[in-house]
Amino acid sequence: MKPVAYSVPDVLKMIGISRTTFYQLVKSGEIKVRKVGTRSIVLSKDLEAWVQQLPVLHDFGDGQ
């Protein structure tokens, strides 16, 4: 069973971005953060929605 929500440190590890970049995405409204007391969490469905809207890289090149 997958988690319903992730902590900020877990999200940073999963998507490989810095804390600064994460909070810039939060400030711009791209990633939604919820509060549980003083703890910030990201719902797994919100994280998946953000990943799904990222642009797709079509031109990988062939190294030549």
C-alpha atoms as a PDB file:
ATOM      1  CA  MET A   1       0.000   0.000   0.000  1.00  0.00           C
ATOM      2  CA  LYS A   2       1.507   3.333  -0.994  1.00  0.00           C
ATOM      3  CA  PRO A   3       1.552   6.303   1.396  1.00  0.00           C
ATOM      4  CA  VAL A   4      -1.272   8.848   1.247  1.00  0.00           C
ATOM      5  CA  ALA A   5       1.184  11.688   1.912  1.00  0.00           C
ATOM      6  CA  TYR A   6       4.912  12.356   2.088  1.00  0.00           C
ATOM      7  CA  SER A   7       7.051  14.563   4.295  1.00  0.00           C
ATOM      8  CA  VAL A   8       9.051  17.343   2.651  1.00  0.00           C
ATOM      9  CA  PRO A   9      12.374  15.473   3.109  1.00  0.00           C
ATOM     10  CA  ASP A  10      10.830  12.385   1.469  1.00  0.00           C
ATOM     11  CA  VAL A  11       9.621  14.446  -1.500  1.00  0.00           C
ATOM     12  CA  LEU A  12      13.064  16.033  -1.909  1.00  0.00           C
ATOM     13  CA  LYS A  13      14.698  12.585  -2.042  1.00  0.00           C
ATOM     14  CA  MET A  14      12.071  11.137  -4.378  1.00  0.00           C
ATOM     15  CA  ILE A  15      12.226  13.865  -7.013  1.00  0.00           C
ATOM     16  CA  GLY A  16      15.856  14.872  -6.490  1.00  0.00           C
ATOM     17  CA  ILE A  17      15.507  18.610  -5.960  1.00  0.00           C
ATOM     18  CA  SER A  18      16.820  20.993  -3.326  1.00  0.00           C
ATOM     19  CA  ARG A  19      14.740  22.391  -0.474  1.00  0.00           C
ATOM     20  CA  THR A  20      15.065  25.865  -2.043  1.00  0.00           C
ATOM     21  CA  THR A  21      13.731  24.646  -5.401  1.00  0.00           C
ATOM     22  CA  PHE A  22      10.919  22.795  -3.636  1.00  0.00           C
ATOM     23  CA  TYR A  23       9.751  25.894  -1.782  1.00  0.00           C
ATOM     24  CA  GLN A  24       9.974  27.956  -4.984  1.00  0.00           C
ATOM     25  CA  LEU A  25       7.603  25.436  -6.592  1.00  0.00           C
ATOM     26  CA  VAL A  26       5.320  25.698  -3.547  1.00  0.00           C
ATOM     27  CA  LYS A  27       5.376  29.506  -3.655  1.00  0.00           C
ATOM     28  CA  SER A  28       4.496  29.499  -7.370  1.00  0.00           C
ATOM     29  CA  GLY A  29       1.583  27.131  -6.686  1.00  0.00           C
ATOM     30  CA  GLU A  30       3.026  24.250  -8.716  1.00  0.00           C
ATOM     31  CA  ILE A  31       3.228  21.910  -5.717  1.00  0.00           C
ATOM     32  CA  LYS A  32       0.549  21.930  -3.022  1.00  0.00           C
ATOM     33  CA  VAL A  33       1.632  21.584   0.608  1.00  0.00           C
ATOM     34  CA  ARG A  34      -0.732  20.758   3.461  1.00  0.00           C
ATOM     35  CA  LYS A  35      -0.126  21.398   7.160  1.00  0.00           C
ATOM     36  CA  VAL A  36      -0.644  18.916   9.972  1.00  0.00           C
ATOM     37  CA  GLY A  37       0.095  20.993  13.037  1.00  0.00           C
ATOM     38  CA  THR A  38       3.548  22.378  12.301  1.00  0.00           C
ATOM     39  CA  ARG A  39       4.442  19.605   9.851  1.00  0.00           C
ATOM     40  CA  SER A  40       4.290  20.135   6.087  1.00  0.00           C
ATOM     41  CA  ILE A  41       3.154  17.229   3.918  1.00  0.00           C
ATOM     42  CA  VAL A  42       2.479  16.660   0.238  1.00  0.00           C
ATOM     43  CA  LEU A  43      -0.373  14.368  -0.736  1.00  0.00           C
ATOM     44  CA  SER A  44       0.777  11.589  -3.047  1.00  0.00           C
ATOM     45  CA  LYS A  45      -2.000  12.465  -5.503  1.00  0.00           C
ATOM     46  CA  ASP A  46      -0.816  16.106  -5.622  1.00  0.00           C
ATOM     47  CA  LEU A  47       2.787  15.020  -6.208  1.00  0.00           C
ATOM     48  CA  GLU A  48       1.704  12.635  -8.970  1.00  0.00           C
ATOM     49  CA  ALA A  49      -0.378  15.381 -10.620  1.00  0.00           C
ATOM     50  CA  TRP A  50       2.639  17.723 -10.575  1.00  0.00           C
ATOM     51  CA  VAL A  51       4.901  15.067 -12.121  1.00  0.00           C
ATOM     52  CA  GLN A  52       2.310  14.289 -14.809  1.00  0.00           C
ATOM     53  CA  GLN A  53       2.157  17.940 -15.921  1.00  0.00           C
ATOM     54  CA  LEU A  54       5.945  18.224 -16.393  1.00  0.00           C
ATOM     55  CA  PRO A  55       7.050  18.645 -20.007  1.00  0.00           C
ATOM     56  CA  VAL A  56       8.119  15.543 -21.914  1.00  0.00           C
ATOM     57  CA  LEU A  57      11.553  15.600 -23.482  1.00  0.00           C
ATOM     58  CA  HIS A  58      11.136  14.308 -27.043  1.00  0.00           C
ATOM     59  CA  ASP A  59      14.583  14.928 -28.516  1.00  0.00           C
ATOM     60  CA  PHE A  60      17.083  12.720 -26.719  1.00  0.00           C
ATOM     61  CA  GLY A  61      19.634  13.060 -29.529  1.00  0.00           C
ATOM     62  CA  ASP A  62      21.753  10.178 -30.663  1.00  0.00           C
ATOM     63  CA  GLY A  63      25.137  11.480 -29.552  1.00  0.00           C
ATOM     64  CA  GLN A  64      26.356  12.113 -33.103  1.00  0.00           C
END
